[in-house]
Amino acid sequence: MFNCTGKVVVMGMGKSGHIGRKMAATFASTGTSSFFVHPGEAAHGDLGMVTPQDVVIAISNSGESSEIAALIPVLKRMHVPLICITGRPESSMARAADVHLCVKVPKEACPLGLAPTSSTTATLVMGDALAVALLKARGFTAEDFALSHPGGALGRKLLLRVSDIMHTGDEIPHVNKQASLRDALLEITRKNLGMTVICDESMKIDGIFTDGDLRRVFDMGGDMRQLGIADVMTPGGIRVRPGILAVDALNLMQSRHITSVLVADGDQLLGVLHMHDLLRAGVV
């Protein structure tokens, strides 16, 4: 399977087929290109999906599935490697296989001994073991996993970057260093991010003023109307680069107990990222 230059094709009837579908899906999402083919459909044309570059995994607890047995001679003529997963090493499928994987169980969990229960669980475990072994052998990473899961929470955490969700252009609250505290508060209100950046016309950062800074101004007392933003801003501000993962920005914000960060290249302001942006993107 590791050396396969094509795809891993999984086949199975009934409950074995359901396990096979899950097995193929797990292979595909962990770096081994794979798909499921129903043996009945394969016998009526879908076998054309299989090429000599592929590897076939055929699943049958009894090892005597007539639908799969009918396909084996054709697979042999095509020189397709055959791996059979059965519960009977002496079965016809086991004997015909290039590789046989035994998943024999003492008995089914079903009290009647009829419904596939323990046997399907053992087969599922075998499939997961194969997938994990291949994953390790390929050096498959969390980032690789995310590429096949862009719609899931993990994909968002491992693929989404700050530049994808940050506020830019006119959305950035900013005032110059000569602005009054009143002007800064009006800008905070207009842009609705709970903060404003203090920067010059070229967007070079001087500092930041947040709602937390405003609470400290109230604690200072005195006439706030006389204050300039330069008197009360926090110089510099915590910054991240636009190319970092959004989840890394989240971790930074949580560790610093802040709700926004500046996105910058050195002192050059590029954008602003707020905790609410991460919430909307599903990173949190």
C-alpha atoms as a PDB file:
ATOM      1  CA  MET A   1       0.000   0.000   0.000  1.00  0.00           C
ATOM      2  CA  PHE A   2       2.840   2.383   0.788  1.00  0.00           C
ATOM      3  CA  ASN A   3       4.445   1.731  -2.598  1.00  0.00           C
ATOM      4  CA  CYS A   4       1.161   1.882  -4.506  1.00  0.00           C
ATOM      5  CA  THR A   5       1.359   4.406  -7.347  1.00  0.00           C
ATOM      6  CA  GLY A   6      -2.382   4.333  -7.958  1.00  0.00           C
ATOM      7  CA  LYS A   7      -5.231   4.194  -5.477  1.00  0.00           C
ATOM      8  CA  VAL A   8      -6.297   1.830  -2.729  1.00  0.00           C
ATOM      9  CA  VAL A   9      -9.643   0.374  -3.821  1.00  0.00           C
ATOM     10  CA  VAL A  10     -11.758  -1.087  -1.011  1.00  0.00           C
ATOM     11  CA  MET A  11     -14.551  -3.618  -1.611  1.00  0.00           C
ATOM     12  CA  GLY A  12     -17.036  -5.345   0.655  1.00  0.00           C
ATOM     13  CA  MET A  13     -20.638  -6.560   0.766  1.00  0.00           C
ATOM     14  CA  GLY A  14     -23.235  -5.815   3.443  1.00  0.00           C
ATOM     15  CA  LYS A  15     -21.837  -4.752   6.815  1.00  0.00           C
ATOM     16  CA  SER A  16     -18.325  -5.379   5.492  1.00  0.00           C
ATOM     17  CA  GLY A  17     -19.139  -2.837   2.799  1.00  0.00           C
ATOM     18  CA  HIS A  18     -20.079  -0.225   5.395  1.00  0.00           C
ATOM     19  CA  ILE A  19     -16.779  -0.851   7.168  1.00  0.00           C
ATOM     20  CA  GLY A  20     -15.024  -0.660   3.803  1.00  0.00           C
ATOM     21  CA  ARG A  21     -16.525   2.743   3.054  1.00  0.00           C
ATOM     22  CA  LYS A  22     -15.263   4.073   6.361  1.00  0.00           C
ATOM     23  CA  MET A  23     -11.873   2.476   5.762  1.00  0.00           C
ATOM     24  CA  ALA A  24     -11.527   4.125   2.340  1.00  0.00           C
ATOM     25  CA  ALA A  25     -12.582   7.474   3.785  1.00  0.00           C
ATOM     26  CA  THR A  26      -9.977   7.200   6.553  1.00  0.00           C
ATOM     27  CA  PHE A  27      -7.253   6.303   4.058  1.00  0.00           C
ATOM     28  CA  ALA A  28      -8.191   9.233   1.831  1.00  0.00           C
ATOM     29  CA  SER A  29      -8.167  11.756   4.670  1.00  0.00           C
ATOM     30  CA  THR A  30      -4.794  10.606   5.981  1.00  0.00           C
ATOM     31  CA  GLY A  31      -2.713  10.745   2.829  1.00  0.00           C
ATOM     32  CA  THR A  32      -3.525   7.465   1.058  1.00  0.00           C
ATOM     33  CA  SER A  33      -5.662   8.077  -2.022  1.00  0.00           C
ATOM     34  CA  SER A  34      -8.553   5.634  -1.792  1.00  0.00           C
ATOM     35  CA  PHE A  35     -12.151   4.964  -2.773  1.00  0.00           C
ATOM     36  CA  PHE A  36     -14.824   2.304  -2.240  1.00  0.00           C
ATOM     37  CA  VAL A  37     -16.344   0.172  -4.995  1.00  0.00           C
ATOM     38  CA  HIS A  38     -19.402  -2.008  -4.407  1.00  0.00           C
ATOM     39  CA  PRO A  39     -18.588  -5.557  -5.600  1.00  0.00           C
ATOM     40  CA  GLY A  40     -21.980  -5.920  -7.280  1.00  0.00           C
ATOM     41  CA  GLU A  41     -21.495  -2.727  -9.249  1.00  0.00           C
ATOM     42  CA  ALA A  42     -17.897  -3.717  -9.989  1.00  0.00           C
ATOM     43  CA  ALA A  43     -19.177  -6.874 -11.696  1.00  0.00           C
ATOM     44  CA  HIS A  44     -21.341  -4.710 -13.964  1.00  0.00           C
ATOM     45  CA  GLY A  45     -18.864  -2.131 -15.186  1.00  0.00           C
ATOM     46  CA  ASP A  46     -17.403  -0.336 -12.189  1.00  0.00           C
ATOM     47  CA  LEU A  47     -14.384  -2.623 -12.241  1.00  0.00           C
ATOM     48  CA  GLY A  48     -13.222  -0.276 -14.981  1.00  0.00           C
ATOM     49  CA  MET A  49     -12.308   2.131 -12.176  1.00  0.00           C
ATOM     50  CA  VAL A  50      -9.533  -0.229 -11.117  1.00  0.00           C
ATOM     51  CA  THR A  51      -6.135  -0.118 -12.836  1.00  0.00           C
ATOM     52  CA  PRO A  52      -2.986  -2.272 -12.516  1.00  0.00           C
ATOM     53  CA  GLN A  53      -1.405   0.576 -10.550  1.00  0.00           C
ATOM     54  CA  ASP A  54      -4.008   0.184  -7.801  1.00  0.00           C
ATOM     55  CA  VAL A  55      -4.211  -2.103  -4.779  1.00  0.00           C
ATOM     56  CA  VAL A  56      -7.509  -3.796  -3.911  1.00  0.00           C
ATOM     57  CA  ILE A  57      -8.579  -4.504  -0.334  1.00  0.00           C
ATOM     58  CA  ALA A  58     -11.435  -7.012  -0.258  1.00  0.00           C
ATOM     59  CA  ILE A  59     -13.345  -7.486   3.000  1.00  0.00           C
ATOM     60  CA  SER A  60     -15.425 -10.510   3.984  1.00  0.00           C
ATOM     61  CA  ASN A  61     -15.626 -12.065   7.432  1.00  0.00           C
ATOM     62  CA  SER A  62     -16.403 -15.503   6.015  1.00  0.00           C
ATOM     63  CA  GLY A  63     -13.916 -15.083   3.200  1.00  0.00           C
ATOM     64  CA  GLU A  64     -16.468 -16.632   0.855  1.00  0.00           C
ATOM     65  CA  SER A  65     -18.322 -13.630  -0.577  1.00  0.00           C
ATOM     66  CA  SER A  66     -19.579 -14.813  -3.971  1.00  0.00           C
ATOM     67  CA  GLU A  67     -19.653 -11.256  -5.334  1.00  0.00           C
ATOM     68  CA  ILE A  68     -15.974 -10.726  -4.503  1.00  0.00           C
ATOM     69  CA  ALA A  69     -15.001 -14.254  -5.553  1.00  0.00           C
ATOM     70  CA  ALA A  70     -16.343 -13.498  -9.031  1.00  0.00           C
ATOM     71  CA  LEU A  71     -13.990 -10.519  -9.313  1.00  0.00           C
ATOM     72  CA  ILE A  72     -10.784 -12.222  -8.172  1.00  0.00           C
ATOM     73  CA  PRO A  73      -9.944 -13.951 -11.501  1.00  0.00           C
ATOM     74  CA  VAL A  74     -10.305 -10.622 -13.331  1.00  0.00           C
ATOM     75  CA  LEU A  75      -8.133  -8.832 -10.778  1.00  0.00           C
ATOM     76  CA  LYS A  76      -5.518 -11.549 -11.172  1.00  0.00           C
ATOM     77  CA  ARG A  77      -5.533 -11.145 -14.962  1.00  0.00           C
ATOM     78  CA  MET A  78      -5.092  -7.402 -14.489  1.00  0.00           C
ATOM     79  CA  HIS A  79      -2.158  -8.060 -12.121  1.00  0.00           C
ATOM     80  CA  VAL A  80      -3.774  -5.943  -9.412  1.00  0.00           C
ATOM     81  CA  PRO A  81      -2.323  -6.710  -5.942  1.00  0.00           C
ATOM     82  CA  LEU A  82      -5.046  -8.162  -3.703  1.00  0.00           C
ATOM     83  CA  ILE A  83      -5.249  -7.789   0.067  1.00  0.00           C
ATOM     84  CA  CYS A  84      -8.049  -9.754   1.705  1.00  0.00           C
ATOM     85  CA  ILE A  85      -9.318  -9.089   5.221  1.00  0.00           C
ATOM     86  CA  THR A  86     -11.261 -12.068   6.541  1.00  0.00           C
ATOM     87  CA  GLY A  87     -11.961 -13.962   9.728  1.00  0.00           C
ATOM     88  CA  ARG A  88     -11.009 -17.329   8.215  1.00  0.00           C
ATOM     89  CA  PRO A  89      -7.412 -17.974   7.110  1.00  0.00           C
ATOM     90  CA  GLU A  90      -8.543 -21.153   5.353  1.00  0.00           C
ATOM     91  CA  SER A  91     -11.173 -19.374   3.223  1.00  0.00           C
ATOM     92  CA  SER A  92     -11.006 -19.140  -0.566  1.00  0.00           C
ATOM     93  CA  MET A  93     -10.439 -15.371  -0.436  1.00  0.00           C
ATOM     94  CA  ALA A  94      -7.582 -15.775   2.034  1.00  0.00           C
ATOM     95  CA  ARG A  95      -5.935 -18.368  -0.200  1.00  0.00           C
ATOM     96  CA  ALA A  96      -6.333 -16.216  -3.307  1.00  0.00           C
ATOM     97  CA  ALA A  97      -4.939 -13.078  -1.697  1.00  0.00           C
ATOM     98  CA  ASP A  98      -1.433 -11.768  -2.186  1.00  0.00           C
ATOM     99  CA  VAL A  99      -1.674 -10.680   1.444  1.00  0.00           C
ATOM    100  CA  HIS A 100      -4.200 -11.992   3.964  1.00  0.00           C
ATOM    101  CA  LEU A 101      -5.020 -10.063   7.128  1.00  0.00           C
ATOM    102  CA  CYS A 102      -6.843 -12.189   9.682  1.00  0.00           C
ATOM    103  CA  VAL A 103      -9.463 -10.519  11.895  1.00  0.00           C
ATOM    104  CA  LYS A 104     -10.860 -13.706  13.433  1.00  0.00           C
ATOM    105  CA  VAL A 105     -12.880 -13.235  16.629  1.00  0.00           C
ATOM    106  CA  PRO A 106     -14.007 -15.973  19.086  1.00  0.00           C
ATOM    107  CA  LYS A 107     -17.664 -15.028  18.688  1.00  0.00           C
ATOM    108  CA  GLU A 108     -19.949 -12.158  17.776  1.00  0.00           C
ATOM    109  CA  ALA A 109     -21.242  -9.838  20.482  1.00  0.00           C
ATOM    110  CA  CYS A 110     -24.732 -10.488  19.149  1.00  0.00           C
ATOM    111  CA  PRO A 111     -26.383 -12.987  21.574  1.00  0.00           C
ATOM    112  CA  LEU A 112     -27.705 -14.900  18.569  1.00  0.00           C
ATOM    113  CA  GLY A 113     -24.224 -15.084  17.099  1.00  0.00           C
ATOM    114  CA  LEU A 114     -25.639 -13.800  13.819  1.00  0.00           C
ATOM    115  CA  ALA A 115     -25.361 -10.020  13.459  1.00  0.00           C
ATOM    116  CA  PRO A 116     -21.863  -8.847  12.496  1.00  0.00           C
ATOM    117  CA  THR A 117     -20.677  -7.032  15.615  1.00  0.00           C
ATOM    118  CA  SER A 118     -17.331  -8.139  17.029  1.00  0.00           C
ATOM    119  CA  SER A 119     -16.119  -9.094  13.552  1.00  0.00           C
ATOM    120  CA  THR A 120     -16.942  -5.710  12.027  1.00  0.00           C
ATOM    121  CA  THR A 121     -15.281  -3.962  14.969  1.00  0.00           C
ATOM    122  CA  ALA A 122     -12.129  -6.034  14.469  1.00  0.00           C
ATOM    123  CA  THR A 123     -12.136  -5.172  10.762  1.00  0.00           C
ATOM    124  CA  LEU A 124     -12.571  -1.490  11.534  1.00  0.00           C
ATOM    125  CA  VAL A 125      -9.626  -1.654  13.937  1.00  0.00           C
ATOM    126  CA  MET A 126      -7.515  -3.317  11.244  1.00  0.00           C
ATOM    127  CA  GLY A 127      -8.400  -0.543   8.799  1.00  0.00           C
ATOM    128  CA  ASP A 128      -7.506   2.169  11.286  1.00  0.00           C
ATOM    129  CA  ALA A 129      -4.234   0.407  12.086  1.00  0.00           C
ATOM    130  CA  LEU A 130      -3.335   0.328   8.390  1.00  0.00           C
ATOM    131  CA  ALA A 131      -4.236   4.006   7.986  1.00  0.00           C
ATOM    132  CA  VAL A 132      -2.157   5.069  10.985  1.00  0.00           C
ATOM    133  CA  ALA A 133       0.816   2.958   9.907  1.00  0.00           C
ATOM    134  CA  LEU A 134       0.710   4.546   6.449  1.00  0.00           C
ATOM    135  CA  LEU A 135       0.246   7.994   7.958  1.00  0.00           C
ATOM    136  CA  LYS A 136       3.404   7.577  10.016  1.00  0.00           C
ATOM    137  CA  ALA A 137       5.369   6.083   7.135  1.00  0.00           C
ATOM    138  CA  ARG A 138       4.470   9.017   4.883  1.00  0.00           C
ATOM    139  CA  GLY A 139       5.366  11.616   7.507  1.00  0.00           C
ATOM    140  CA  PHE A 140       1.805  12.931   7.243  1.00  0.00           C
ATOM    141  CA  THR A 141       1.372  16.129   9.278  1.00  0.00           C
ATOM    142  CA  ALA A 142      -1.497  18.015  10.876  1.00  0.00           C
ATOM    143  CA  GLU A 143      -1.145  20.594   8.094  1.00  0.00           C
ATOM    144  CA  ASP A 144      -1.557  17.825   5.493  1.00  0.00           C
ATOM    145  CA  PHE A 145      -4.664  16.650   7.345  1.00  0.00           C
ATOM    146  CA  ALA A 146      -6.100  20.170   7.282  1.00  0.00           C
ATOM    147  CA  LEU A 147      -5.770  20.344   3.491  1.00  0.00           C
ATOM    148  CA  SER A 148      -8.299  17.544   3.134  1.00  0.00           C
ATOM    149  CA  HIS A 149     -10.563  19.022   5.829  1.00  0.00           C
ATOM    150  CA  PRO A 150     -10.965  22.699   4.849  1.00  0.00           C
ATOM    151  CA  GLY A 151     -14.588  22.763   5.964  1.00  0.00           C
ATOM    152  CA  GLY A 152     -14.010  21.421   9.472  1.00  0.00           C
ATOM    153  CA  ALA A 153     -12.949  23.102  12.682  1.00  0.00           C
ATOM    154  CA  LEU A 154      -9.507  21.535  12.456  1.00  0.00           C
ATOM    155  CA  GLY A 155      -9.091  22.769   8.911  1.00  0.00           C
ATOM    156  CA  ARG A 156      -9.966  26.303   9.928  1.00  0.00           C
ATOM    157  CA  LYS A 157      -7.488  26.205  12.781  1.00  0.00           C
ATOM    158  CA  LEU A 158      -4.674  24.849  10.663  1.00  0.00           C
ATOM    159  CA  LEU A 159      -5.302  26.727   7.416  1.00  0.00           C
ATOM    160  CA  LEU A 160      -6.833  30.093   8.258  1.00  0.00           C
ATOM    161  CA  ARG A 161      -4.322  32.914   8.511  1.00  0.00           C
ATOM    162  CA  VAL A 162      -4.586  36.339  10.091  1.00  0.00           C
ATOM    163  CA  SER A 163      -4.505  37.975   6.653  1.00  0.00           C
ATOM    164  CA  ASP A 164      -7.693  36.080   5.710  1.00  0.00           C
ATOM    165  CA  ILE A 165      -9.855  37.702   8.395  1.00  0.00           C
ATOM    166  CA  MET A 166      -8.150  40.917   9.561  1.00  0.00           C
ATOM    167  CA  HIS A 167      -9.668  44.381   9.104  1.00  0.00           C
ATOM    168  CA  THR A 168      -7.914  46.505   6.495  1.00  0.00           C
ATOM    169  CA  GLY A 169      -8.225  49.906   4.817  1.00  0.00           C
ATOM    170  CA  ASP A 170     -11.110  52.064   6.009  1.00  0.00           C
ATOM    171  CA  GLU A 171     -12.153  49.379   8.496  1.00  0.00           C
ATOM    172  CA  ILE A 172      -9.081  50.106  10.639  1.00  0.00           C
ATOM    173  CA  PRO A 173      -9.802  52.553  13.486  1.00  0.00           C
ATOM    174  CA  HIS A 174      -6.926  55.030  13.601  1.00  0.00           C
ATOM    175  CA  VAL A 175      -6.093  58.592  14.630  1.00  0.00           C
ATOM    176  CA  ASN A 176      -2.880  60.577  14.570  1.00  0.00           C
ATOM    177  CA  LYS A 177      -0.781  61.361  17.609  1.00  0.00           C
ATOM    178  CA  GLN A 178      -2.053  64.942  17.772  1.00  0.00           C
ATOM    179  CA  ALA A 179      -5.694  63.870  18.146  1.00  0.00           C
ATOM    180  CA  SER A 180      -7.635  64.562  21.312  1.00  0.00           C
ATOM    181  CA  LEU A 181      -9.024  61.819  23.514  1.00  0.00           C
ATOM    182  CA  ARG A 182     -12.477  62.853  22.307  1.00  0.00           C
ATOM    183  CA  ASP A 183     -11.473  62.322  18.670  1.00  0.00           C
ATOM    184  CA  ALA A 184     -10.101  58.892  19.531  1.00  0.00           C
ATOM    185  CA  LEU A 185     -13.311  57.895  21.314  1.00  0.00           C
ATOM    186  CA  LEU A 186     -15.380  58.976  18.315  1.00  0.00           C
ATOM    187  CA  GLU A 187     -13.181  56.819  16.043  1.00  0.00           C
ATOM    188  CA  ILE A 188     -13.572  53.840  18.382  1.00  0.00           C
ATOM    189  CA  THR A 189     -17.347  54.311  18.278  1.00  0.00           C
ATOM    190  CA  ARG A 190     -17.432  54.602  14.477  1.00  0.00           C
ATOM    191  CA  LYS A 191     -15.361  51.487  13.779  1.00  0.00           C
ATOM    192  CA  ASN A 192     -16.829  49.405  16.614  1.00  0.00           C
ATOM    193  CA  LEU A 193     -13.705  47.392  17.453  1.00  0.00           C
ATOM    194  CA  GLY A 194     -13.231  48.637  21.006  1.00  0.00           C
ATOM    195  CA  MET A 195      -9.882  50.224  20.157  1.00  0.00           C
ATOM    196  CA  THR A 196      -8.042  52.606  17.875  1.00  0.00           C
ATOM    197  CA  VAL A 197      -4.518  52.658  16.514  1.00  0.00           C
ATOM    198  CA  ILE A 198      -2.430  55.804  16.867  1.00  0.00           C
ATOM    199  CA  CYS A 199      -0.330  56.226  13.730  1.00  0.00           C
ATOM    200  CA  ASP A 200       0.909  58.824  11.253  1.00  0.00           C
ATOM    201  CA  GLU A 201      -0.309  59.394   7.690  1.00  0.00           C
ATOM    202  CA  SER A 202       1.950  56.638   6.364  1.00  0.00           C
ATOM    203  CA  MET A 203       0.358  54.206   8.882  1.00  0.00           C
ATOM    204  CA  LYS A 204       3.515  53.965  10.969  1.00  0.00           C
ATOM    205  CA  ILE A 205       2.416  52.789  14.408  1.00  0.00           C
ATOM    206  CA  ASP A 206       2.872  54.974  17.487  1.00  0.00           C
ATOM    207  CA  GLY A 207       0.591  53.125  19.858  1.00  0.00           C
ATOM    208  CA  ILE A 208      -2.860  51.797  20.652  1.00  0.00           C
ATOM    209  CA  PHE A 209      -5.789  52.917  22.801  1.00  0.00           C
ATOM    210  CA  THR A 210      -8.392  50.390  23.942  1.00  0.00           C
ATOM    211  CA  ASP A 211     -11.505  50.335  26.084  1.00  0.00           C
ATOM    212  CA  GLY A 212      -9.269  49.022  28.866  1.00  0.00           C
ATOM    213  CA  ASP A 213      -7.110  52.143  28.569  1.00  0.00           C
ATOM    214  CA  LEU A 214     -10.274  54.235  28.798  1.00  0.00           C
ATOM    215  CA  ARG A 215     -11.167  52.643  32.125  1.00  0.00           C
ATOM    216  CA  ARG A 216      -7.723  53.590  33.420  1.00  0.00           C
ATOM    217  CA  VAL A 217      -8.301  57.172  32.266  1.00  0.00           C
ATOM    218  CA  PHE A 218     -11.502  57.284  34.310  1.00  0.00           C
ATOM    219  CA  ASP A 219      -9.573  56.043  37.336  1.00  0.00           C
ATOM    220  CA  MET A 220      -7.077  58.893  36.888  1.00  0.00           C
ATOM    221  CA  GLY A 221      -9.757  61.527  37.376  1.00  0.00           C
ATOM    222  CA  GLY A 222      -9.272  65.090  36.169  1.00  0.00           C
ATOM    223  CA  ASP A 223     -10.701  66.807  33.100  1.00  0.00           C
ATOM    224  CA  MET A 224     -10.630  64.298  30.243  1.00  0.00           C
ATOM    225  CA  ARG A 225     -11.534  67.045  27.775  1.00  0.00           C
ATOM    226  CA  GLN A 226      -8.024  68.413  28.103  1.00  0.00           C
ATOM    227  CA  LEU A 227      -6.296  65.122  27.351  1.00  0.00           C
ATOM    228  CA  GLY A 228      -4.653  64.279  24.067  1.00  0.00           C
ATOM    229  CA  ILE A 229      -4.525  60.690  22.881  1.00  0.00           C
ATOM    230  CA  ALA A 230      -0.717  60.759  23.130  1.00  0.00           C
ATOM    231  CA  ASP A 231      -1.098  61.301  26.894  1.00  0.00           C
ATOM    232  CA  VAL A 232      -3.028  58.085  27.498  1.00  0.00           C
ATOM    233  CA  MET A 233      -2.181  55.656  24.677  1.00  0.00           C
ATOM    234  CA  THR A 234      -0.182  52.473  25.151  1.00  0.00           C
ATOM    235  CA  PRO A 235       2.995  52.897  23.091  1.00  0.00           C
ATOM    236  CA  GLY A 236       3.782  50.273  20.484  1.00  0.00           C
ATOM    237  CA  GLY A 237       0.988  47.775  20.937  1.00  0.00           C
ATOM    238  CA  ILE A 238       1.101  43.995  20.597  1.00  0.00           C
ATOM    239  CA  ARG A 239       1.598  42.992  16.972  1.00  0.00           C
ATOM    240  CA  VAL A 240       1.436  39.933  14.762  1.00  0.00           C
ATOM    241  CA  ARG A 241       2.435  39.350  11.173  1.00  0.00           C
ATOM    242  CA  PRO A 242      -0.308  38.748   8.591  1.00  0.00           C
ATOM    243  CA  GLY A 243       1.010  35.336   7.586  1.00  0.00           C
ATOM    244  CA  ILE A 244       0.718  33.617  10.965  1.00  0.00           C
ATOM    245  CA  LEU A 245      -2.082  31.165  11.654  1.00  0.00           C
ATOM    246  CA  ALA A 246      -5.225  32.663  13.115  1.00  0.00           C
ATOM    247  CA  VAL A 247      -5.102  30.087  15.916  1.00  0.00           C
ATOM    248  CA  ASP A 248      -1.638  31.348  16.897  1.00  0.00           C
ATOM    249  CA  ALA A 249      -3.009  34.883  17.097  1.00  0.00           C
ATOM    250  CA  LEU A 250      -5.816  33.531  19.282  1.00  0.00           C
ATOM    251  CA  ASN A 251      -3.330  31.875  21.629  1.00  0.00           C
ATOM    252  CA  LEU A 252      -1.388  35.129  21.905  1.00  0.00           C
ATOM    253  CA  MET A 253      -4.522  37.136  22.680  1.00  0.00           C
ATOM    254  CA  GLN A 254      -5.614  34.646  25.314  1.00  0.00           C
ATOM    255  CA  SER A 255      -2.198  34.562  26.969  1.00  0.00           C
ATOM    256  CA  ARG A 256      -2.030  38.373  27.079  1.00  0.00           C
ATOM    257  CA  HIS A 257      -5.692  38.762  28.108  1.00  0.00           C
ATOM    258  CA  ILE A 258      -6.417  41.138  25.231  1.00  0.00           C
ATOM    259  CA  THR A 259      -9.193  41.255  22.642  1.00  0.00           C
ATOM    260  CA  SER A 260      -7.342  42.745  19.675  1.00  0.00           C
ATOM    261  CA  VAL A 261      -3.899  42.827  18.087  1.00  0.00           C
ATOM    262  CA  LEU A 262      -2.260  44.975  15.460  1.00  0.00           C
ATOM    263  CA  VAL A 263      -1.279  43.273  12.228  1.00  0.00           C
ATOM    264  CA  ALA A 264       1.959  44.826  11.078  1.00  0.00           C
ATOM    265  CA  ASP A 265       5.191  44.504   9.183  1.00  0.00           C
ATOM    266  CA  GLY A 266       7.611  46.062  11.634  1.00  0.00           C
ATOM    267  CA  ASP A 267       6.128  49.478  12.471  1.00  0.00           C
ATOM    268  CA  GLN A 268       3.957  49.538   9.346  1.00  0.00           C
ATOM    269  CA  LEU A 269       0.277  48.951  10.138  1.00  0.00           C
ATOM    270  CA  LEU A 270      -1.418  46.469   7.795  1.00  0.00           C
ATOM    271  CA  GLY A 271      -4.587  45.641   9.677  1.00  0.00           C
ATOM    272  CA  VAL A 272      -6.336  44.913  12.957  1.00  0.00           C
ATOM    273  CA  LEU A 273      -7.587  41.578  14.272  1.00  0.00           C
ATOM    274  CA  HIS A 274     -10.291  41.386  16.947  1.00  0.00           C
ATOM    275  CA  MET A 275     -11.373  38.384  18.996  1.00  0.00           C
ATOM    276  CA  HIS A 276     -14.812  38.632  17.388  1.00  0.00           C
ATOM    277  CA  ASP A 277     -13.211  38.019  13.984  1.00  0.00           C
ATOM    278  CA  LEU A 278     -11.826  34.735  15.289  1.00  0.00           C
ATOM    279  CA  LEU A 279     -15.215  33.795  16.714  1.00  0.00           C
ATOM    280  CA  ARG A 280     -16.974  34.505  13.413  1.00  0.00           C
ATOM    281  CA  ALA A 281     -14.385  32.449  11.545  1.00  0.00           C
ATOM    282  CA  GLY A 282     -14.925  29.479  13.870  1.00  0.00           C
ATOM    283  CA  VAL A 283     -11.362  29.473  15.183  1.00  0.00           C
ATOM    284  CA  VAL A 284     -12.463  29.811  18.808  1.00  0.00           C
END
